Amino acid sequence: MNIIITHHLLYLALSVVTTIWVASTLHKHGRIFLVDAFHGNEKLADSVNHLLVVGFYLINVGFVVFAVKYGDRPTDFATMLES
């Protein structure tokens, strides 16, 4: 049971850190594209950019929760690393 808890905590920590890093990168670099796509309307571009980041968080957190619930259960350290 201890290996399963360690696996889930490690998976959740890595998933959250990766999701936050990718979302901040997309938010920073996506603004330039959105301002151009909305013909210089910065308020609209910033609003859409924020909504995209929130949607990105929701989709990724939802996937992580399902992956933890329905994923493989490790039995030892080696299978924990493999999964």
PDB file of N, CA and C in Angstrom:
ATOM      1  N   MET A   1       0.828  -1.206   0.000  1.00  0.00           N
ATOM      2  CA  MET A   1       0.000   0.000   0.000  1.00  0.00           C
ATOM      3  C   MET A   1       0.865   1.260   0.000  1.00  0.00           C
ATOM      4  N   ASN A   2       1.990   1.209   0.645  1.00  0.00           N
ATOM      5  CA  ASN A   2       2.867   2.362   0.729  1.00  0.00           C
ATOM      6  C   ASN A   2       3.446   2.745  -0.635  1.00  0.00           C
ATOM      7  N   ILE A   3       3.753   1.760  -1.463  1.00  0.00           N
ATOM      8  CA  ILE A   3       4.298   2.029  -2.789  1.00  0.00           C
ATOM      9  C   ILE A   3       3.255   2.688  -3.688  1.00  0.00           C
ATOM     10  N   ILE A   4       1.986   2.343  -3.509  1.00  0.00           N
ATOM     11  CA  ILE A   4       0.909   2.953  -4.303  1.00  0.00           C
ATOM     12  C   ILE A   4       0.745   4.424  -3.932  1.00  0.00           C
ATOM     13  N   ILE A   5       0.788   4.725  -2.659  1.00  0.00           N
ATOM     14  CA  ILE A   5       0.667   6.117  -2.211  1.00  0.00           C
ATOM     15  C   ILE A   5       1.851   6.933  -2.716  1.00  0.00           C
ATOM     16  N   THR A   6       3.050   6.371  -2.616  1.00  0.00           N
ATOM     17  CA  THR A   6       4.238   7.060  -3.120  1.00  0.00           C
ATOM     18  C   THR A   6       4.123   7.303  -4.622  1.00  0.00           C
ATOM     19  N   HIS A   7       3.653   6.301  -5.340  1.00  0.00           N
ATOM     20  CA  HIS A   7       3.478   6.423  -6.793  1.00  0.00           C
ATOM     21  C   HIS A   7       2.492   7.535  -7.132  1.00  0.00           C
ATOM     22  N   HIS A   8       1.353   7.547  -6.471  1.00  0.00           N
ATOM     23  CA  HIS A   8       0.335   8.560  -6.762  1.00  0.00           C
ATOM     24  C   HIS A   8       0.829   9.958  -6.422  1.00  0.00           C
ATOM     25  N   LEU A   9       1.478  10.117  -5.298  1.00  0.00           N
ATOM     26  CA  LEU A   9       1.979  11.434  -4.906  1.00  0.00           C
ATOM     27  C   LEU A   9       3.067  11.927  -5.866  1.00  0.00           C
ATOM     28  N   LEU A  10       3.951  11.027  -6.262  1.00  0.00           N
ATOM     29  CA  LEU A  10       4.999  11.402  -7.204  1.00  0.00           C
ATOM     30  C   LEU A  10       4.404  11.767  -8.562  1.00  0.00           C
ATOM     31  N   TYR A  11       3.451  10.975  -9.027  1.00  0.00           N
ATOM     32  CA  TYR A  11       2.796  11.249 -10.307  1.00  0.00           C
ATOM     33  C   TYR A  11       2.042  12.579 -10.264  1.00  0.00           C
ATOM     34  N   LEU A  12       1.321  12.827  -9.187  1.00  0.00           N
ATOM     35  CA  LEU A  12       0.578  14.081  -9.070  1.00  0.00           C
ATOM     36  C   LEU A  12       1.516  15.278  -9.015  1.00  0.00           C
ATOM     37  N   ALA A  13       2.604  15.166  -8.254  1.00  0.00           N
ATOM     38  CA  ALA A  13       3.547  16.277  -8.145  1.00  0.00           C
ATOM     39  C   ALA A  13       4.180  16.592  -9.501  1.00  0.00           C
ATOM     40  N   LEU A  14       4.649  15.565 -10.195  1.00  0.00           N
ATOM     41  CA  LEU A  14       5.266  15.793 -11.505  1.00  0.00           C
ATOM     42  C   LEU A  14       4.256  16.335 -12.517  1.00  0.00           C
ATOM     43  N   SER A  15       3.037  15.842 -12.474  1.00  0.00           N
ATOM     44  CA  SER A  15       2.006  16.299 -13.407  1.00  0.00           C
ATOM     45  C   SER A  15       1.631  17.752 -13.154  1.00  0.00           C
ATOM     46  N   VAL A  16       1.492  18.134 -11.898  1.00  0.00           N
ATOM     47  CA  VAL A  16       1.122  19.510 -11.573  1.00  0.00           C
ATOM     48  C   VAL A  16       2.239  20.476 -11.958  1.00  0.00           C
ATOM     49  N   VAL A  17       3.473  20.120 -11.640  1.00  0.00           N
ATOM     50  CA  VAL A  17       4.601  20.994 -11.988  1.00  0.00           C
ATOM     51  C   VAL A  17       4.713  21.145 -13.501  1.00  0.00           C
ATOM     52  N   THR A  18       4.584  20.060 -14.233  1.00  0.00           N
ATOM     53  CA  THR A  18       4.662  20.123 -15.694  1.00  0.00           C
ATOM     54  C   THR A  18       3.515  20.933 -16.277  1.00  0.00           C
ATOM     55  N   THR A  19       2.317  20.746 -15.755  1.00  0.00           N
ATOM     56  CA  THR A  19       1.148  21.493 -16.242  1.00  0.00           C
ATOM     57  C   THR A  19       1.316  22.988 -15.997  1.00  0.00           C
ATOM     58  N   ILE A  20       1.789  23.359 -14.826  1.00  0.00           N
ATOM     59  CA  ILE A  20       1.988  24.780 -14.513  1.00  0.00           C
ATOM     60  C   ILE A  20       3.057  25.383 -15.420  1.00  0.00           C
ATOM     61  N   TRP A  21       4.146  24.652 -15.646  1.00  0.00           N
ATOM     62  CA  TRP A  21       5.223  25.157 -16.495  1.00  0.00           C
ATOM     63  C   TRP A  21       4.739  25.344 -17.937  1.00  0.00           C
ATOM     64  N   VAL A  22       4.046  24.361 -18.469  1.00  0.00           N
ATOM     65  CA  VAL A  22       3.562  24.452 -19.851  1.00  0.00           C
ATOM     66  C   VAL A  22       2.521  25.564 -19.974  1.00  0.00           C
ATOM     67  N   ALA A  23       1.628  25.675 -19.005  1.00  0.00           N
ATOM     68  CA  ALA A  23       0.599  26.719 -19.061  1.00  0.00           C
ATOM     69  C   ALA A  23       1.222  28.116 -19.014  1.00  0.00           C
ATOM     70  N   SER A  24       2.221  28.308 -18.168  1.00  0.00           N
ATOM     71  CA  SER A  24       2.845  29.633 -18.102  1.00  0.00           C
ATOM     72  C   SER A  24       3.605  29.952 -19.386  1.00  0.00           C
ATOM     73  N   THR A  25       4.238  28.951 -19.995  1.00  0.00           N
ATOM     74  CA  THR A  25       4.930  29.158 -21.259  1.00  0.00           C
ATOM     75  C   THR A  25       3.938  29.505 -22.371  1.00  0.00           C
ATOM     76  N   LEU A  26       2.837  28.763 -22.446  1.00  0.00           N
ATOM     77  CA  LEU A  26       1.819  29.054 -23.454  1.00  0.00           C
ATOM     78  C   LEU A  26       1.194  30.428 -23.228  1.00  0.00           C
ATOM     79  N   HIS A  27       0.968  30.788 -21.984  1.00  0.00           N
ATOM     80  CA  HIS A  27       0.363  32.081 -21.669  1.00  0.00           C
ATOM     81  C   HIS A  27       1.281  33.220 -22.102  1.00  0.00           C
ATOM     82  N   LYS A  28       2.567  33.080 -21.817  1.00  0.00           N
ATOM     83  CA  LYS A  28       3.523  34.134 -22.139  1.00  0.00           C
ATOM     84  C   LYS A  28       3.713  34.283 -23.648  1.00  0.00           C
ATOM     85  N   HIS A  29       3.916  33.193 -24.332  1.00  0.00           N
ATOM     86  CA  HIS A  29       4.209  33.270 -25.757  1.00  0.00           C
ATOM     87  C   HIS A  29       2.950  33.300 -26.622  1.00  0.00           C
ATOM     88  N   GLY A  30       1.834  32.852 -26.100  1.00  0.00           N
ATOM     89  CA  GLY A  30       0.594  32.868 -26.862  1.00  0.00           C
ATOM     90  C   GLY A  30      -0.024  34.239 -26.964  1.00  0.00           C
ATOM     91  N   ARG A  31       0.309  35.139 -26.036  1.00  0.00           N
ATOM     92  CA  ARG A  31      -0.249  36.488 -26.052  1.00  0.00           C
ATOM     93  C   ARG A  31       0.096  37.216 -27.347  1.00  0.00           C
ATOM     94  N   ILE A  32       1.326  37.082 -27.771  1.00  0.00           N
ATOM     95  CA  ILE A  32       1.772  37.756 -28.998  1.00  0.00           C
ATOM     96  C   ILE A  32       0.940  37.288 -30.193  1.00  0.00           C
ATOM     97  N   PHE A  33       0.735  36.003 -30.284  1.00  0.00           N
ATOM     98  CA  PHE A  33      -0.070  35.444 -31.377  1.00  0.00           C
ATOM     99  C   PHE A  33      -1.511  35.944 -31.301  1.00  0.00           C
ATOM    100  N   LEU A  34      -2.089  35.940 -30.101  1.00  0.00           N
ATOM    101  CA  LEU A  34      -3.485  36.348 -29.967  1.00  0.00           C
ATOM    102  C   LEU A  34      -3.685  37.827 -30.253  1.00  0.00           C
ATOM    103  N   VAL A  35      -2.754  38.667 -29.827  1.00  0.00           N
ATOM    104  CA  VAL A  35      -2.862  40.098 -30.144  1.00  0.00           C
ATOM    105  C   VAL A  35      -2.847  40.293 -31.655  1.00  0.00           C
ATOM    106  N   ASP A  36      -1.995  39.554 -32.346  1.00  0.00           N
ATOM    107  CA  ASP A  36      -1.958  39.646 -33.807  1.00  0.00           C
ATOM    108  C   ASP A  36      -3.241  39.090 -34.427  1.00  0.00           C
ATOM    109  N   ALA A  37      -3.742  37.986 -33.887  1.00  0.00           N
ATOM    110  CA  ALA A  37      -4.956  37.364 -34.432  1.00  0.00           C
ATOM    111  C   ALA A  37      -6.188  38.249 -34.228  1.00  0.00           C
ATOM    112  N   PHE A  38      -6.195  39.030 -33.137  1.00  0.00           N
ATOM    113  CA  PHE A  38      -7.326  39.916 -32.861  1.00  0.00           C
ATOM    114  C   PHE A  38      -7.041  41.352 -33.312  1.00  0.00           C
ATOM    115  N   HIS A  39      -6.124  41.521 -34.234  1.00  0.00           N
ATOM    116  CA  HIS A  39      -5.825  42.807 -34.883  1.00  0.00           C
ATOM    117  C   HIS A  39      -5.500  43.908 -33.881  1.00  0.00           C
ATOM    118  N   GLY A  40      -4.673  43.584 -32.884  1.00  0.00           N
ATOM    119  CA  GLY A  40      -4.205  44.579 -31.929  1.00  0.00           C
ATOM    120  C   GLY A  40      -5.114  44.828 -30.743  1.00  0.00           C
ATOM    121  N   ASN A  41      -6.231  44.149 -30.650  1.00  0.00           N
ATOM    122  CA  ASN A  41      -7.142  44.318 -29.511  1.00  0.00           C
ATOM    123  C   ASN A  41      -6.568  43.551 -28.311  1.00  0.00           C
ATOM    124  N   GLU A  42      -5.782  44.267 -27.488  1.00  0.00           N
ATOM    125  CA  GLU A  42      -5.057  43.625 -26.395  1.00  0.00           C
ATOM    126  C   GLU A  42      -5.973  43.126 -25.283  1.00  0.00           C
ATOM    127  N   LYS A  43      -7.033  43.845 -24.989  1.00  0.00           N
ATOM    128  CA  LYS A  43      -7.956  43.399 -23.930  1.00  0.00           C
ATOM    129  C   LYS A  43      -8.612  42.071 -24.293  1.00  0.00           C
ATOM    130  N   LEU A  44      -9.063  41.959 -25.522  1.00  0.00           N
ATOM    131  CA  LEU A  44      -9.682  40.723 -25.976  1.00  0.00           C
ATOM    132  C   LEU A  44      -8.655  39.594 -26.015  1.00  0.00           C
ATOM    133  N   ALA A  45      -7.467  39.873 -26.478  1.00  0.00           N
ATOM    134  CA  ALA A  45      -6.415  38.857 -26.547  1.00  0.00           C
ATOM    135  C   ALA A  45      -6.041  38.365 -25.152  1.00  0.00           C
ATOM    136  N   ASP A  46      -5.936  39.288 -24.194  1.00  0.00           N
ATOM    137  CA  ASP A  46      -5.604  38.884 -22.825  1.00  0.00           C
ATOM    138  C   ASP A  46      -6.720  38.064 -22.192  1.00  0.00           C
ATOM    139  N   SER A  47      -7.959  38.428 -22.469  1.00  0.00           N
ATOM    140  CA  SER A  47      -9.097  37.672 -21.937  1.00  0.00           C
ATOM    141  C   SER A  47      -9.133  36.257 -22.501  1.00  0.00           C
ATOM    142  N   VAL A  48      -8.971  36.133 -23.793  1.00  0.00           N
ATOM    143  CA  VAL A  48      -8.971  34.814 -24.430  1.00  0.00           C
ATOM    144  C   VAL A  48      -7.774  34.000 -23.941  1.00  0.00           C
ATOM    145  N   ASN A  49      -6.632  34.643 -23.798  1.00  0.00           N
ATOM    146  CA  ASN A  49      -5.435  33.959 -23.310  1.00  0.00           C
ATOM    147  C   ASN A  49      -5.669  33.399 -21.908  1.00  0.00           C
ATOM    148  N   HIS A  50      -6.301  34.179 -21.047  1.00  0.00           N
ATOM    149  CA  HIS A  50      -6.595  33.713 -19.688  1.00  0.00           C
ATOM    150  C   HIS A  50      -7.576  32.535 -19.720  1.00  0.00           C
ATOM    151  N   LEU A  51      -8.609  32.634 -20.535  1.00  0.00           N
ATOM    152  CA  LEU A  51      -9.568  31.532 -20.642  1.00  0.00           C
ATOM    153  C   LEU A  51      -8.917  30.258 -21.178  1.00  0.00           C
ATOM    154  N   LEU A  52      -8.004  30.396 -22.111  1.00  0.00           N
ATOM    155  CA  LEU A  52      -7.294  29.230 -22.635  1.00  0.00           C
ATOM    156  C   LEU A  52      -6.435  28.567 -21.564  1.00  0.00           C
ATOM    157  N   VAL A  53      -5.801  29.368 -20.722  1.00  0.00           N
ATOM    158  CA  VAL A  53      -4.981  28.809 -19.642  1.00  0.00           C
ATOM    159  C   VAL A  53      -5.864  28.078 -18.631  1.00  0.00           C
ATOM    160  N   VAL A  54      -6.991  28.660 -18.279  1.00  0.00           N
ATOM    161  CA  VAL A  54      -7.901  27.990 -17.339  1.00  0.00           C
ATOM    162  C   VAL A  54      -8.407  26.679 -17.928  1.00  0.00           C
ATOM    163  N   GLY A  55      -8.790  26.687 -19.189  1.00  0.00           N
ATOM    164  CA  GLY A  55      -9.216  25.454 -19.843  1.00  0.00           C
ATOM    165  C   GLY A  55      -8.109  24.418 -19.894  1.00  0.00           C
ATOM    166  N   PHE A  56      -6.881  24.858 -20.139  1.00  0.00           N
ATOM    167  CA  PHE A  56      -5.729  23.956 -20.160  1.00  0.00           C
ATOM    168  C   PHE A  56      -5.544  23.288 -18.802  1.00  0.00           C
ATOM    169  N   TYR A  57      -5.645  24.083 -17.735  1.00  0.00           N
ATOM    170  CA  TYR A  57      -5.536  23.520 -16.384  1.00  0.00           C
ATOM    171  C   TYR A  57      -6.641  22.487 -16.134  1.00  0.00           C
ATOM    172  N   LEU A  58      -7.867  22.825 -16.471  1.00  0.00           N
ATOM    173  CA  LEU A  58      -8.986  21.918 -16.202  1.00  0.00           C
ATOM    174  C   LEU A  58      -8.857  20.600 -16.962  1.00  0.00           C
ATOM    175  N   ILE A  59      -8.475  20.676 -18.220  1.00  0.00           N
ATOM    176  CA  ILE A  59      -8.331  19.452 -19.014  1.00  0.00           C
ATOM    177  C   ILE A  59      -7.194  18.588 -18.476  1.00  0.00           C
ATOM    178  N   ASN A  60      -6.057  19.204 -18.176  1.00  0.00           N
ATOM    179  CA  ASN A  60      -4.917  18.426 -17.698  1.00  0.00           C
ATOM    180  C   ASN A  60      -5.142  17.842 -16.316  1.00  0.00           C
ATOM    181  N   VAL A  61      -5.723  18.590 -15.411  1.00  0.00           N
ATOM    182  CA  VAL A  61      -5.998  18.064 -14.073  1.00  0.00           C
ATOM    183  C   VAL A  61      -7.027  16.933 -14.162  1.00  0.00           C
ATOM    184  N   GLY A  62      -8.020  17.093 -15.016  1.00  0.00           N
ATOM    185  CA  GLY A  62      -8.997  16.022 -15.206  1.00  0.00           C
ATOM    186  C   GLY A  62      -8.358  14.758 -15.743  1.00  0.00           C
ATOM    187  N   PHE A  63      -7.448  14.900 -16.701  1.00  0.00           N
ATOM    188  CA  PHE A  63      -6.757  13.725 -17.235  1.00  0.00           C
ATOM    189  C   PHE A  63      -5.897  13.062 -16.164  1.00  0.00           C
ATOM    190  N   VAL A  64      -5.208  13.851 -15.367  1.00  0.00           N
ATOM    191  CA  VAL A  64      -4.351  13.292 -14.309  1.00  0.00           C
ATOM    192  C   VAL A  64      -5.182  12.525 -13.297  1.00  0.00           C
ATOM    193  N   VAL A  65      -6.334  13.056 -12.926  1.00  0.00           N
ATOM    194  CA  VAL A  65      -7.199  12.365 -11.965  1.00  0.00           C
ATOM    195  C   VAL A  65      -7.674  11.029 -12.526  1.00  0.00           C
ATOM    196  N   PHE A  66      -8.091  11.014 -13.784  1.00  0.00           N
ATOM    197  CA  PHE A  66      -8.509   9.749 -14.394  1.00  0.00           C
ATOM    198  C   PHE A  66      -7.344   8.780 -14.547  1.00  0.00           C
ATOM    199  N   ALA A  67      -6.166   9.289 -14.867  1.00  0.00           N
ATOM    200  CA  ALA A  67      -5.000   8.418 -15.026  1.00  0.00           C
ATOM    201  C   ALA A  67      -4.609   7.780 -13.697  1.00  0.00           C
ATOM    202  N   VAL A  68      -4.738   8.523 -12.616  1.00  0.00           N
ATOM    203  CA  VAL A  68      -4.432   7.955 -11.291  1.00  0.00           C
ATOM    204  C   VAL A  68      -5.481   6.912 -10.921  1.00  0.00           C
ATOM    205  N   LYS A  69      -6.731   7.207 -11.206  1.00  0.00           N
ATOM    206  CA  LYS A  69      -7.808   6.292 -10.808  1.00  0.00           C
ATOM    207  C   LYS A  69      -7.793   4.997 -11.612  1.00  0.00           C
ATOM    208  N   TYR A  70      -7.590   5.102 -12.925  1.00  0.00           N
ATOM    209  CA  TYR A  70      -7.706   3.928 -13.780  1.00  0.00           C
ATOM    210  C   TYR A  70      -6.360   3.369 -14.251  1.00  0.00           C
ATOM    211  N   GLY A  71      -5.263   3.921 -13.771  1.00  0.00           N
ATOM    212  CA  GLY A  71      -3.943   3.457 -14.198  1.00  0.00           C
ATOM    213  C   GLY A  71      -3.524   2.177 -13.482  1.00  0.00           C
ATOM    214  N   ASP A  72      -2.342   1.707 -13.848  1.00  0.00           N
ATOM    215  CA  ASP A  72      -1.792   0.498 -13.240  1.00  0.00           C
ATOM    216  C   ASP A  72      -1.428   0.743 -11.782  1.00  0.00           C
ATOM    217  N   ARG A  73      -1.534  -0.310 -10.994  1.00  0.00           N
ATOM    218  CA  ARG A  73      -1.149  -0.260  -9.584  1.00  0.00           C
ATOM    219  C   ARG A  73       0.231  -0.897  -9.440  1.00  0.00           C
ATOM    220  N   PRO A  74       1.230  -0.115  -9.039  1.00  0.00           N
ATOM    221  CA  PRO A  74       2.562  -0.697  -8.899  1.00  0.00           C
ATOM    222  C   PRO A  74       2.636  -1.636  -7.697  1.00  0.00           C
ATOM    223  N   THR A  75       3.439  -2.668  -7.839  1.00  0.00           N
ATOM    224  CA  THR A  75       3.613  -3.628  -6.744  1.00  0.00           C
ATOM    225  C   THR A  75       4.976  -3.507  -6.084  1.00  0.00           C
ATOM    226  N   ASP A  76       5.940  -2.935  -6.804  1.00  0.00           N
ATOM    227  CA  ASP A  76       7.255  -2.707  -6.227  1.00  0.00           C
ATOM    228  C   ASP A  76       7.857  -1.449  -6.858  1.00  0.00           C
ATOM    229  N   PHE A  77       9.084  -1.132  -6.454  1.00  0.00           N
ATOM    230  CA  PHE A  77       9.719   0.101  -6.918  1.00  0.00           C
ATOM    231  C   PHE A  77       9.947   0.092  -8.426  1.00  0.00           C
ATOM    232  N   ALA A  78      10.303  -1.037  -8.980  1.00  0.00           N
ATOM    233  CA  ALA A  78      10.569  -1.121 -10.422  1.00  0.00           C
ATOM    234  C   ALA A  78       9.308  -0.855 -11.230  1.00  0.00           C
ATOM    235  N   THR A  79       8.180  -1.449 -10.849  1.00  0.00           N
ATOM    236  CA  THR A  79       6.949  -1.204 -11.590  1.00  0.00           C
ATOM    237  C   THR A  79       6.435   0.222 -11.362  1.00  0.00           C
ATOM    238  N   MET A  80       6.781   0.802 -10.216  1.00  0.00           N
ATOM    239  CA  MET A  80       6.407   2.188  -9.967  1.00  0.00           C
ATOM    240  C   MET A  80       7.108   3.100 -10.953  1.00  0.00           C
ATOM    241  N   LEU A  81       8.408   2.868 -11.176  1.00  0.00           N
ATOM    242  CA  LEU A  81       9.157   3.681 -12.125  1.00  0.00           C
ATOM    243  C   LEU A  81       8.688   3.469 -13.552  1.00  0.00           C
ATOM    244  N   GLU A  82       8.310   2.237 -13.892  1.00  0.00           N
ATOM    245  CA  GLU A  82       7.837   1.941 -15.233  1.00  0.00           C
ATOM    246  C   GLU A  82       6.508   2.606 -15.525  1.00  0.00           C
ATOM    247  N   SER A  83       5.635   2.655 -14.558  1.00  0.00           N
ATOM    248  CA  SER A  83       4.316   3.245 -14.819  1.00  0.00           C
ATOM    249  C   SER A  83       4.380   4.747 -14.724  1.00  0.00           C
TER     250      SER A  83
END
